Amino acid sequence: MHPRCRNWWGTIYVNNCNINVEGWLMQLLTNELIGYAVGQLEMEAQTNRVQFKLYIQCTSQRHFPWLYENIDGYINWEPAKGSAVLYREECTMDETRIAGPWEVGEMKMQGKASKPKIAGNLVKGEAPFVGAAHGVSLVPMRHGRRSANCRPHPQPSVTQRIFGSEGSNIVGDSRFVNERTTAFWRTPSERPWDGFGRQCLAEQRDSPIYSGEGCYEPAQDDPDWQSRLSEFDKFMLSDFMEVNFE
């Protein structure tokens, strides 16, 4: 059974360096057979032969027979499962180039970044813009914290209040921190909401899960409270929670 893949890597030895590669790639793009392509002619060091090296992103998943029939039947095709950026760098190397590179279309990154990853990256340094960009978004939260005698602890370098929002996959109502001054971090066995089986955040509705003016550390009878707090303060967090940004 032929593997199906959206992105492909191709190489072929050529004798004619005057081939119209750019026109051929533009035709493939115009016919919507591909969404992106980059390639160049280069001298292969091992054989001293001219080689055409190509990376393409198809408009949908394709298999070998389709490539041979619709793209080229002589190119040696391999599924490209790595980083699109690295494949592009391989296809645009200055040291071995004879002609090109030729690039058409718009490159899409290999795999689509998940909503948690996008929002999590934004909230690290651009929290005020996350709400505008994503509305209700997923942000990272620490899983496995213990609840007991929580006390306020100053949280520097936080630029946005983040709270739970009620919904099918989320917990709590949106609240500013001054409306509720305590938060509870629960172990997995204590969590009130199972969701995807990984979040364990708010004790109940109306509990802020995080705030721009304060976070909450476990009592010092927890032997790991310092390391837990350090992880929390640095946003080295492992789980995600869907929240609104006030």
C-alpha atoms as a PDB file:
ATOM      1  CA  MET A   1       0.000   0.000   0.000  1.00  0.00           C
ATOM      2  CA  HIS A   2       1.417   3.390  -0.995  1.00  0.00           C
ATOM      3  CA  PRO A   3       2.008   5.925   1.805  1.00  0.00           C
ATOM      4  CA  ARG A   4      -0.019   9.097   1.643  1.00  0.00           C
ATOM      5  CA  CYS A   5       1.585  12.401   2.537  1.00  0.00           C
ATOM      6  CA  ARG A   6       0.947  16.087   1.912  1.00  0.00           C
ATOM      7  CA  ASN A   7       4.611  17.156   1.741  1.00  0.00           C
ATOM      8  CA  TRP A   8       7.192  15.529  -0.527  1.00  0.00           C
ATOM      9  CA  TRP A   9      10.936  15.670  -1.146  1.00  0.00           C
ATOM     10  CA  GLY A  10      12.270  14.958  -4.632  1.00  0.00           C
ATOM     11  CA  THR A  11      15.651  14.602  -6.356  1.00  0.00           C
ATOM     12  CA  ILE A  12      16.676  13.827  -9.931  1.00  0.00           C
ATOM     13  CA  TYR A  13      19.882  14.035 -11.974  1.00  0.00           C
ATOM     14  CA  VAL A  14      19.604  16.315 -15.008  1.00  0.00           C
ATOM     15  CA  ASN A  15      21.711  16.870 -18.130  1.00  0.00           C
ATOM     16  CA  ASN A  16      20.164  20.179 -19.216  1.00  0.00           C
ATOM     17  CA  CYS A  17      20.672  23.148 -16.888  1.00  0.00           C
ATOM     18  CA  ASN A  18      18.480  25.394 -19.052  1.00  0.00           C
ATOM     19  CA  ILE A  19      15.185  23.763 -18.120  1.00  0.00           C
ATOM     20  CA  ASN A  20      12.371  26.154 -17.194  1.00  0.00           C
ATOM     21  CA  VAL A  21      11.870  25.039 -13.606  1.00  0.00           C
ATOM     22  CA  GLU A  22      10.088  28.189 -12.464  1.00  0.00           C
ATOM     23  CA  GLY A  23       7.530  27.991 -15.276  1.00  0.00           C
ATOM     24  CA  TRP A  24       6.858  24.332 -14.485  1.00  0.00           C
ATOM     25  CA  LEU A  25       6.372  25.046 -10.772  1.00  0.00           C
ATOM     26  CA  MET A  26       4.076  27.986 -11.515  1.00  0.00           C
ATOM     27  CA  GLN A  27       1.951  25.748 -13.734  1.00  0.00           C
ATOM     28  CA  LEU A  28       1.622  23.200 -10.932  1.00  0.00           C
ATOM     29  CA  LEU A  29       0.626  25.995  -8.560  1.00  0.00           C
ATOM     30  CA  THR A  30      -1.867  27.496 -11.024  1.00  0.00           C
ATOM     31  CA  ASN A  31      -3.481  24.090 -11.552  1.00  0.00           C
ATOM     32  CA  GLU A  32      -3.751  23.746  -7.738  1.00  0.00           C
ATOM     33  CA  LEU A  33      -1.731  20.550  -7.739  1.00  0.00           C
ATOM     34  CA  ILE A  34       0.603  22.071  -5.159  1.00  0.00           C
ATOM     35  CA  GLY A  35       0.338  24.884  -2.645  1.00  0.00           C
ATOM     36  CA  TYR A  36       4.052  25.553  -2.308  1.00  0.00           C
ATOM     37  CA  ALA A  37       7.335  24.464  -3.869  1.00  0.00           C
ATOM     38  CA  VAL A  38      11.002  25.362  -3.636  1.00  0.00           C
ATOM     39  CA  GLY A  39      13.949  23.872  -5.483  1.00  0.00           C
ATOM     40  CA  GLN A  40      17.266  24.480  -7.199  1.00  0.00           C
ATOM     41  CA  LEU A  41      19.875  22.900  -9.456  1.00  0.00           C
ATOM     42  CA  GLU A  42      23.068  22.012  -7.633  1.00  0.00           C
ATOM     43  CA  MET A  43      26.267  20.051  -7.983  1.00  0.00           C
ATOM     44  CA  GLU A  44      26.244  16.868  -5.938  1.00  0.00           C
ATOM     45  CA  ALA A  45      29.613  16.554  -4.230  1.00  0.00           C
ATOM     46  CA  GLN A  46      29.791  12.750  -4.239  1.00  0.00           C
ATOM     47  CA  THR A  47      29.172  12.270  -7.968  1.00  0.00           C
ATOM     48  CA  ASN A  48      29.961  15.700  -9.458  1.00  0.00           C
ATOM     49  CA  ARG A  49      26.663  15.477 -11.288  1.00  0.00           C
ATOM     50  CA  VAL A  50      23.992  18.152 -11.605  1.00  0.00           C
ATOM     51  CA  GLN A  51      20.985  17.376  -9.440  1.00  0.00           C
ATOM     52  CA  PHE A  52      17.590  19.016  -9.172  1.00  0.00           C
ATOM     53  CA  LYS A  53      16.429  19.114  -5.558  1.00  0.00           C
ATOM     54  CA  LEU A  54      12.790  19.895  -4.803  1.00  0.00           C
ATOM     55  CA  TYR A  55      10.420  20.240  -1.851  1.00  0.00           C
ATOM     56  CA  ILE A  56       6.671  20.509  -2.473  1.00  0.00           C
ATOM     57  CA  GLN A  57       3.548  20.872  -0.358  1.00  0.00           C
ATOM     58  CA  CYS A  58       0.493  19.410  -2.074  1.00  0.00           C
ATOM     59  CA  THR A  59      -3.012  20.748  -1.556  1.00  0.00           C
ATOM     60  CA  SER A  60      -4.036  17.457   0.084  1.00  0.00           C
ATOM     61  CA  GLN A  61      -2.490  14.114   0.988  1.00  0.00           C
ATOM     62  CA  ARG A  62      -1.123  12.278  -2.049  1.00  0.00           C
ATOM     63  CA  HIS A  63       0.560   8.950  -2.793  1.00  0.00           C
ATOM     64  CA  PHE A  64       3.359   7.884  -5.170  1.00  0.00           C
ATOM     65  CA  PRO A  65       1.169   6.978  -8.177  1.00  0.00           C
ATOM     66  CA  TRP A  66      -0.500  10.389  -8.063  1.00  0.00           C
ATOM     67  CA  LEU A  67       2.878  12.150  -7.972  1.00  0.00           C
ATOM     68  CA  TYR A  68       4.190  10.108 -10.900  1.00  0.00           C
ATOM     69  CA  GLU A  69       1.075  10.842 -12.931  1.00  0.00           C
ATOM     70  CA  ASN A  70       0.494  14.512 -12.049  1.00  0.00           C
ATOM     71  CA  ILE A  71       3.852  15.985 -10.982  1.00  0.00           C
ATOM     72  CA  ASP A  72       6.715  14.001 -12.540  1.00  0.00           C
ATOM     73  CA  GLY A  73       7.263  10.312 -13.199  1.00  0.00           C
ATOM     74  CA  TYR A  74      11.072  10.431 -13.107  1.00  0.00           C
ATOM     75  CA  ILE A  75      11.779  12.292  -9.885  1.00  0.00           C
ATOM     76  CA  ASN A  76      12.759  10.152  -6.901  1.00  0.00           C
ATOM     77  CA  TRP A  77      10.032  11.035  -4.384  1.00  0.00           C
ATOM     78  CA  GLU A  78      10.155  10.560  -0.616  1.00  0.00           C
ATOM     79  CA  PRO A  79       7.630  11.650   2.039  1.00  0.00           C
ATOM     80  CA  ALA A  80       8.856  14.829   3.747  1.00  0.00           C
ATOM     81  CA  LYS A  81       7.909  14.420   7.383  1.00  0.00           C
ATOM     82  CA  GLY A  82      10.342  16.879   8.933  1.00  0.00           C
ATOM     83  CA  SER A  83      10.385  20.632   9.329  1.00  0.00           C
ATOM     84  CA  ALA A  84       9.358  22.620   6.263  1.00  0.00           C
ATOM     85  CA  VAL A  85      11.904  25.278   7.204  1.00  0.00           C
ATOM     86  CA  LEU A  86      14.748  22.742   7.177  1.00  0.00           C
ATOM     87  CA  TYR A  87      13.659  21.346   3.811  1.00  0.00           C
ATOM     88  CA  ARG A  88      13.608  24.864   2.413  1.00  0.00           C
ATOM     89  CA  GLU A  89      17.121  25.492   3.734  1.00  0.00           C
ATOM     90  CA  GLU A  90      18.285  22.273   2.072  1.00  0.00           C
ATOM     91  CA  CYS A  91      16.792  23.423  -1.232  1.00  0.00           C
ATOM     92  CA  THR A  92      18.399  26.870  -1.124  1.00  0.00           C
ATOM     93  CA  MET A  93      22.007  26.123  -0.146  1.00  0.00           C
ATOM     94  CA  ASP A  94      24.448  28.615  -1.645  1.00  0.00           C
ATOM     95  CA  GLU A  95      27.497  26.341  -1.578  1.00  0.00           C
ATOM     96  CA  THR A  96      26.261  23.803  -4.131  1.00  0.00           C
ATOM     97  CA  ARG A  97      23.894  25.942  -6.227  1.00  0.00           C
ATOM     98  CA  ILE A  98      24.162  26.068 -10.011  1.00  0.00           C
ATOM     99  CA  ALA A  99      20.811  27.694 -10.791  1.00  0.00           C
ATOM    100  CA  GLY A 100      17.839  28.870  -8.779  1.00  0.00           C
ATOM    101  CA  PRO A 101      16.457  28.688  -6.216  1.00  0.00           C
ATOM    102  CA  TRP A 102      12.884  28.841  -7.475  1.00  0.00           C
ATOM    103  CA  GLU A 103      10.083  29.278  -4.973  1.00  0.00           C
ATOM    104  CA  VAL A 104       6.344  29.508  -5.629  1.00  0.00           C
ATOM    105  CA  GLY A 105       3.275  29.615  -3.384  1.00  0.00           C
ATOM    106  CA  GLU A 106       3.111  30.094   0.363  1.00  0.00           C
ATOM    107  CA  MET A 107       4.907  27.688   2.663  1.00  0.00           C
ATOM    108  CA  LYS A 108       2.894  26.152   5.479  1.00  0.00           C
ATOM    109  CA  MET A 109       4.674  24.869   8.523  1.00  0.00           C
ATOM    110  CA  GLN A 110       4.849  21.114   8.916  1.00  0.00           C
ATOM    111  CA  GLY A 111       1.795  20.345  11.022  1.00  0.00           C
ATOM    112  CA  LYS A 112      -0.478  23.046  12.311  1.00  0.00           C
ATOM    113  CA  ALA A 113       0.352  24.517  15.684  1.00  0.00           C
ATOM    114  CA  SER A 114      -2.351  23.574  18.156  1.00  0.00           C
ATOM    115  CA  LYS A 115      -4.496  26.227  19.769  1.00  0.00           C
ATOM    116  CA  PRO A 116      -2.953  25.493  23.186  1.00  0.00           C
ATOM    117  CA  LYS A 117       0.542  25.976  21.797  1.00  0.00           C
ATOM    118  CA  ILE A 118      -0.342  29.198  19.989  1.00  0.00           C
ATOM    119  CA  ALA A 119      -2.076  30.736  22.987  1.00  0.00           C
ATOM    120  CA  GLY A 120       0.514  29.402  25.407  1.00  0.00           C
ATOM    121  CA  ASN A 121       3.342  31.017  23.454  1.00  0.00           C
ATOM    122  CA  LEU A 122       1.444  34.281  23.232  1.00  0.00           C
ATOM    123  CA  VAL A 123       0.618  34.420  26.915  1.00  0.00           C
ATOM    124  CA  LYS A 124       4.291  34.118  27.868  1.00  0.00           C
ATOM    125  CA  GLY A 125       5.154  37.506  26.454  1.00  0.00           C
ATOM    126  CA  GLU A 126       2.102  39.046  24.853  1.00  0.00           C
ATOM    127  CA  ALA A 127      -0.785  38.245  27.162  1.00  0.00           C
ATOM    128  CA  PRO A 128      -2.720  41.476  26.524  1.00  0.00           C
ATOM    129  CA  PHE A 129      -3.057  40.520  22.870  1.00  0.00           C
ATOM    130  CA  VAL A 130      -4.149  36.932  23.358  1.00  0.00           C
ATOM    131  CA  GLY A 131      -7.789  37.772  23.967  1.00  0.00           C
ATOM    132  CA  ALA A 132      -7.967  39.902  20.850  1.00  0.00           C
ATOM    133  CA  ALA A 133      -6.277  37.251  18.751  1.00  0.00           C
ATOM    134  CA  HIS A 134      -8.067  34.171  20.025  1.00  0.00           C
ATOM    135  CA  GLY A 135     -11.055  35.211  22.114  1.00  0.00           C
ATOM    136  CA  VAL A 136     -11.524  32.285  24.444  1.00  0.00           C
ATOM    137  CA  SER A 137      -8.156  30.582  24.305  1.00  0.00           C
ATOM    138  CA  LEU A 138      -6.162  27.779  25.824  1.00  0.00           C
ATOM    139  CA  VAL A 139      -3.278  28.710  28.091  1.00  0.00           C
ATOM    140  CA  PRO A 140      -0.810  26.551  30.034  1.00  0.00           C
ATOM    141  CA  MET A 141      -1.495  25.711  33.668  1.00  0.00           C
ATOM    142  CA  ARG A 142       0.401  23.512  36.096  1.00  0.00           C
ATOM    143  CA  HIS A 143      -1.122  20.111  36.851  1.00  0.00           C
ATOM    144  CA  GLY A 144      -0.711  18.313  40.180  1.00  0.00           C
ATOM    145  CA  ARG A 145      -0.381  21.248  42.596  1.00  0.00           C
ATOM    146  CA  ARG A 146      -1.467  20.660  46.166  1.00  0.00           C
ATOM    147  CA  SER A 147      -4.102  22.704  47.956  1.00  0.00           C
ATOM    148  CA  ALA A 148      -3.671  23.705  51.590  1.00  0.00           C
ATOM    149  CA  ASN A 149      -3.332  26.992  53.442  1.00  0.00           C
ATOM    150  CA  CYS A 150      -2.636  28.964  50.275  1.00  0.00           C
ATOM    151  CA  ARG A 151      -1.276  32.450  50.809  1.00  0.00           C
ATOM    152  CA  PRO A 152      -0.755  35.316  48.344  1.00  0.00           C
ATOM    153  CA  HIS A 153       2.612  35.512  46.648  1.00  0.00           C
ATOM    154  CA  PRO A 154       3.691  38.389  44.373  1.00  0.00           C
ATOM    155  CA  GLN A 155       3.974  37.453  40.730  1.00  0.00           C
ATOM    156  CA  PRO A 156       6.231  39.822  38.757  1.00  0.00           C
ATOM    157  CA  SER A 157       6.406  39.990  34.971  1.00  0.00           C
ATOM    158  CA  VAL A 158       2.754  39.059  34.429  1.00  0.00           C
ATOM    159  CA  THR A 159       0.936  41.478  32.172  1.00  0.00           C
ATOM    160  CA  GLN A 160      -2.568  40.051  32.006  1.00  0.00           C
ATOM    161  CA  ARG A 161      -5.197  38.673  34.356  1.00  0.00           C
ATOM    162  CA  ILE A 162      -6.360  35.209  33.359  1.00  0.00           C
ATOM    163  CA  PHE A 163      -9.435  33.528  34.778  1.00  0.00           C
ATOM    164  CA  GLY A 164     -11.651  30.534  34.188  1.00  0.00           C
ATOM    165  CA  SER A 165     -14.682  30.850  31.963  1.00  0.00           C
ATOM    166  CA  GLU A 166     -17.782  28.696  32.209  1.00  0.00           C
ATOM    167  CA  GLY A 167     -18.508  26.393  29.266  1.00  0.00           C
ATOM    168  CA  SER A 168     -18.612  22.821  28.034  1.00  0.00           C
ATOM    169  CA  ASN A 169     -14.885  22.213  28.552  1.00  0.00           C
ATOM    170  CA  ILE A 170     -14.037  24.829  31.143  1.00  0.00           C
ATOM    171  CA  VAL A 171     -14.594  25.792  34.761  1.00  0.00           C
ATOM    172  CA  GLY A 172     -15.626  28.936  36.619  1.00  0.00           C
ATOM    173  CA  ASP A 173     -16.941  32.396  35.752  1.00  0.00           C
ATOM    174  CA  SER A 174     -14.733  35.265  34.620  1.00  0.00           C
ATOM    175  CA  ARG A 175     -13.743  37.403  37.589  1.00  0.00           C
ATOM    176  CA  PHE A 176     -11.165  40.036  38.421  1.00  0.00           C
ATOM    177  CA  VAL A 177      -8.749  39.139  41.149  1.00  0.00           C
ATOM    178  CA  ASN A 178     -10.133  41.687  43.638  1.00  0.00           C
ATOM    179  CA  GLU A 179     -13.495  39.893  43.569  1.00  0.00           C
ATOM    180  CA  ARG A 180     -11.943  36.749  44.951  1.00  0.00           C
ATOM    181  CA  THR A 181      -8.700  36.656  46.920  1.00  0.00           C
ATOM    182  CA  THR A 182      -8.082  32.935  47.214  1.00  0.00           C
ATOM    183  CA  ALA A 183      -7.364  30.195  44.740  1.00  0.00           C
ATOM    184  CA  PHE A 184      -7.005  26.471  45.233  1.00  0.00           C
ATOM    185  CA  TRP A 185      -4.731  24.026  43.445  1.00  0.00           C
ATOM    186  CA  ARG A 186      -5.908  20.459  43.647  1.00  0.00           C
ATOM    187  CA  THR A 187      -4.378  17.061  43.091  1.00  0.00           C
ATOM    188  CA  PRO A 188      -5.845  14.881  40.297  1.00  0.00           C
ATOM    189  CA  SER A 189      -7.833  12.828  42.794  1.00  0.00           C
ATOM    190  CA  GLU A 190      -9.442  15.989  44.191  1.00  0.00           C
ATOM    191  CA  ARG A 191     -10.274  17.819  41.020  1.00  0.00           C
ATOM    192  CA  PRO A 192     -13.931  18.810  40.600  1.00  0.00           C
ATOM    193  CA  TRP A 193     -13.844  18.699  36.806  1.00  0.00           C
ATOM    194  CA  ASP A 194     -12.349  15.876  34.795  1.00  0.00           C
ATOM    195  CA  GLY A 195     -12.664  17.343  31.294  1.00  0.00           C
ATOM    196  CA  PHE A 196     -10.010  15.666  29.198  1.00  0.00           C
ATOM    197  CA  GLY A 197      -8.643  13.909  32.266  1.00  0.00           C
ATOM    198  CA  ARG A 198      -5.649  16.196  32.691  1.00  0.00           C
ATOM    199  CA  GLN A 199      -6.681  19.603  34.077  1.00  0.00           C
ATOM    200  CA  CYS A 200      -7.072  20.094  37.806  1.00  0.00           C
ATOM    201  CA  LEU A 201      -7.344  23.792  38.443  1.00  0.00           C
ATOM    202  CA  ALA A 202     -10.161  25.675  40.129  1.00  0.00           C
ATOM    203  CA  GLU A 203     -11.870  24.484  43.291  1.00  0.00           C
ATOM    204  CA  GLN A 204     -15.237  25.733  42.118  1.00  0.00           C
ATOM    205  CA  ARG A 205     -16.887  28.356  39.950  1.00  0.00           C
ATOM    206  CA  ASP A 206     -15.773  31.940  40.572  1.00  0.00           C
ATOM    207  CA  SER A 207     -12.313  30.852  41.701  1.00  0.00           C
ATOM    208  CA  PRO A 208      -9.615  32.704  39.754  1.00  0.00           C
ATOM    209  CA  ILE A 209      -7.138  30.220  38.370  1.00  0.00           C
ATOM    210  CA  TYR A 210      -4.474  32.850  37.825  1.00  0.00           C
ATOM    211  CA  SER A 211      -4.118  36.594  38.272  1.00  0.00           C
ATOM    212  CA  GLY A 212      -1.978  39.442  37.062  1.00  0.00           C
ATOM    213  CA  GLU A 213      -1.621  40.743  40.617  1.00  0.00           C
ATOM    214  CA  GLY A 214      -0.923  37.584  42.527  1.00  0.00           C
ATOM    215  CA  CYS A 215      -0.534  33.854  42.371  1.00  0.00           C
ATOM    216  CA  TYR A 216      -0.820  31.380  45.212  1.00  0.00           C
ATOM    217  CA  GLU A 217       1.845  29.076  46.536  1.00  0.00           C
ATOM    218  CA  PRO A 218       1.199  25.895  48.532  1.00  0.00           C
ATOM    219  CA  ALA A 219       1.853  25.822  52.245  1.00  0.00           C
ATOM    220  CA  GLN A 220       5.447  25.166  53.231  1.00  0.00           C
ATOM    221  CA  ASP A 221       4.537  21.764  54.632  1.00  0.00           C
ATOM    222  CA  ASP A 222       4.541  20.636  51.001  1.00  0.00           C
ATOM    223  CA  PRO A 223       8.195  19.557  50.527  1.00  0.00           C
ATOM    224  CA  ASP A 224       8.092  20.508  46.853  1.00  0.00           C
ATOM    225  CA  TRP A 225       6.452  23.903  47.237  1.00  0.00           C
ATOM    226  CA  GLN A 226       9.552  25.879  46.207  1.00  0.00           C
ATOM    227  CA  SER A 227      10.109  23.960  43.001  1.00  0.00           C
ATOM    228  CA  ARG A 228       6.395  24.055  42.193  1.00  0.00           C
ATOM    229  CA  LEU A 229       6.315  27.807  42.679  1.00  0.00           C
ATOM    230  CA  SER A 230       9.438  28.262  40.590  1.00  0.00           C
ATOM    231  CA  GLU A 231       7.911  26.287  37.728  1.00  0.00           C
ATOM    232  CA  PHE A 232       4.713  28.283  38.001  1.00  0.00           C
ATOM    233  CA  ASP A 233       6.473  31.656  38.066  1.00  0.00           C
ATOM    234  CA  LYS A 234       8.547  30.834  34.994  1.00  0.00           C
ATOM    235  CA  PHE A 235       5.546  29.557  33.028  1.00  0.00           C
ATOM    236  CA  MET A 236       7.196  26.141  32.797  1.00  0.00           C
ATOM    237  CA  LEU A 237       3.749  24.592  32.868  1.00  0.00           C
ATOM    238  CA  SER A 238       2.460  21.384  31.419  1.00  0.00           C
ATOM    239  CA  ASP A 239      -1.322  21.524  31.045  1.00  0.00           C
ATOM    240  CA  PHE A 240      -3.842  23.805  29.423  1.00  0.00           C
ATOM    241  CA  MET A 241      -7.086  25.458  30.411  1.00  0.00           C
ATOM    242  CA  GLU A 242      -9.546  27.335  28.216  1.00  0.00           C
ATOM    243  CA  VAL A 243      -9.973  30.854  29.580  1.00  0.00           C
ATOM    244  CA  ASN A 244     -11.267  34.314  28.797  1.00  0.00           C
ATOM    245  CA  PHE A 245      -8.952  37.303  28.912  1.00  0.00           C
ATOM    246  CA  GLU A 246     -10.382  40.217  30.871  1.00  0.00           C
END
